[in-house]
């Protein structure tokens, strides 16, 4: 049980760390200090300025403008003096690409000005769903579709017996087809939840039926194998519409993200629903102290095994898990629990499926009349998918409106943009090994059209929702991707630290424990641009899809089938696996970024891998589910990994170390296999040695005073041996001359001594002289973090290293290359 003397509930003093600002020596990798094995993390610049919420104004003029920027030549370019782009102050190295940076900034400003000229504002432009698709207007339904390649067009569906001869559409000069269907005796002529399609004839005289591009719901007959999807007119009566009850929660200082897939969230071998996820899984996420949920596979995708990344219907929720109202219930339930909700949005490509998706509107027309580029530029050969033409006016309307739709209609709190690397470069990152050389990011290979779109997208999102969280999945490490648009950046808040899980997989597959390099671990975790925030993760869904395994399964493999019972002694494999599982995830969280992400189930060491039902596995759901029963069974050891995951999240909730700008690695000891660092005013000690216990191990720190254990992976409650005393006081000793780092211990002005058992991580906090009394805590929190009352004395049988004080480590200076996937 969590007692009130737990260090997680003691007062923390903010703002004591240095506030120095560093401008010189900027490199893709954080600066590594030589001689005394210290890594200093400079203070970060603010990454974006909030904007006031802009209220949309009614558009009086025609809502559709020329497909391409036909009057671009008449638009006066906005000349930016290099001195006026703030990004050059953040990273002076970018001045060598001044022409490129100014050109793309000008093109963004020019594009935005054109939108404001013809569409009133960026925010109004992004309300295309109020005009396109199906909308109620003046006692009738108006349906509009952009299809310049169509020669004739009709609306068909259940409402007219799929005969469009009496529902022909009219085309305007911009290729937009329109039909108005008056109500019948006061009732809509197209009933709610009835099937509809867009029928059009293209140049060779062939008629084709397609799902409307802006459709808000699409379904399939599950009883028919490989049946095509149908568009559904979704306009429920007021009594059936879900009304949000809870406001968005405050934006977290540092996101602790739970990545989840609703469909595979059931313990049963089937597709789970939005409401089941809301009622059964969201409480687990909250109990584990995550503050953000990232939902995958929300946009409709006809192929389930695509993990939601081959989107067919961009404005429709995936019908496998329920209706749009069900998804709203899920998001509202998350908000009621204080959880922000991010959506995994896919604007990097679209499904190649012509029957069910947007690709069906491409009938061989020219690029300016299509959502996609023509020829090779419009096809991703590795993904077998179509690539958007981001310079096209109507494509911009479609994609920007898509973002606003999910924010306004469903109350999402932000996005994780998938496949950003593919968008940034014409080569899409295929067979490219990014080295960190700036020339790789700013050249003719850069897709400036896509970058301008992303700048517009981020500007729009933050105009509509200043507290939005927007994350880029980028493996290239492009500078300025996560700097604000007004500086000349692309505008994301965070990028995923995608090299980190690859490093762990390399260690687990290719190296024995004694070959693990502490320097390599630290370099991989700290190899990021200090002025741009990262989301760190040890494993996401990518690491456990078919062909690979979860971290837990890599560590313990077949013994997870027979050795996880707590009713028998743990085998060496299981003991090692649980210990390293905790260490790998925690050091990734504590040192790898300014936010943390975990994929559903990995918090408790979910075994095996993910494999969606497909022909190759006889369409089974066995590996496409989450076995919650494993963590819920009290005599199984999965509970220990889950409890530690809860504890490390609570540690950040109490001490806010993820959002701290004070980040210093003071010791990287290869012989001892020990890493010591500070985040905020917490001191972290990781001992990766498989055998050695270090008694009286000397660690450096910033603040003088008394320290105690805040979190201990070796506690009994986390499956450990209880070797570290939690009621022991650790008093600091001054080191060297104050203010003269070279005279200090490992560049720290103070030190104290600790006990460090093998394969453990222990966090220490500074005890306040007058601790604040906190109120009572819930039983869940008391059970989740228990480490201070049941510790046993150090075991005498453990190997001790006589006389060791931890002073042997000297970090090697590393280069400035960017470690990338």
Foldseek 3Di string as FASTA:
>chain_A
DADQPFPLNWDDDPDPDDQDADQPPFFQFFFADFDQRKGFFGFADDFDDFDAADDDDDFDDDLDDAFFPVCLVVQDFDQDDLVQQQVCSNHVVCVVVSVLLRVLLRVLVSVQVVCCVRQVGLLSLLQCVCPAAWHDDDQWIKHKAQQQQFPWKFKAWPLVPRDGPVGTWDADPRRMTMTIGHDDPSHYSADAFTFMWMWTAGDVGDIDTAAGQQAAAWDFDPVDPPGAITGGHHDDDPVPAADQDFAAFFQDLFFAEAEEEQQFAALDLGGEALQCCQVPVLVLCVLLQGAEYEYWQQAADPDVQVSNQAHAHLNYGHPRRHHLRSLLVSCSSNRVSNHAYAYAHEQAWHHCDLHHHQVVSCPPDALSSHQFHPDPLQADVVVRTGGGDLSTSVNLSSVSSSVVSCCPVRVHQAYEYPLVCLLQFSVSCPPDDAWRPLVVRRDPRGDSSSLSSLLSNLVNSSNNPVSGAYEYAHQNQHPLCSHHVSSSGSRHQEYELVLQLVVVVCCLPPHDLLPDFLLVNLSSQRSRRSNHWYEFENDALVQFAPPHWAQLCSQQPPCLVPAFFLVDDHDPSNLLSLLVLLVSGLCRQLRRTLYYYDYPQPQLPFTHGAYAQDVVVPGTSNRSHHNVVQCVDVRGLSVLSNLSSSLSSSSCVSQVLSSASGKMWLFRASVQCWTWIDRRQKIKIFGADPAEKEFFAKDAGADFAKKFWNAKCQAVSNVHDLAFARPDIWGKDAFADPPPQVRGQSSYGIMTTGIGGHSMMIMMHHRDPDIDRDDDDDPSVSSSGDGHDDHDHHDPPGHYDPPHHSRPGTRDGDDSIRRGD
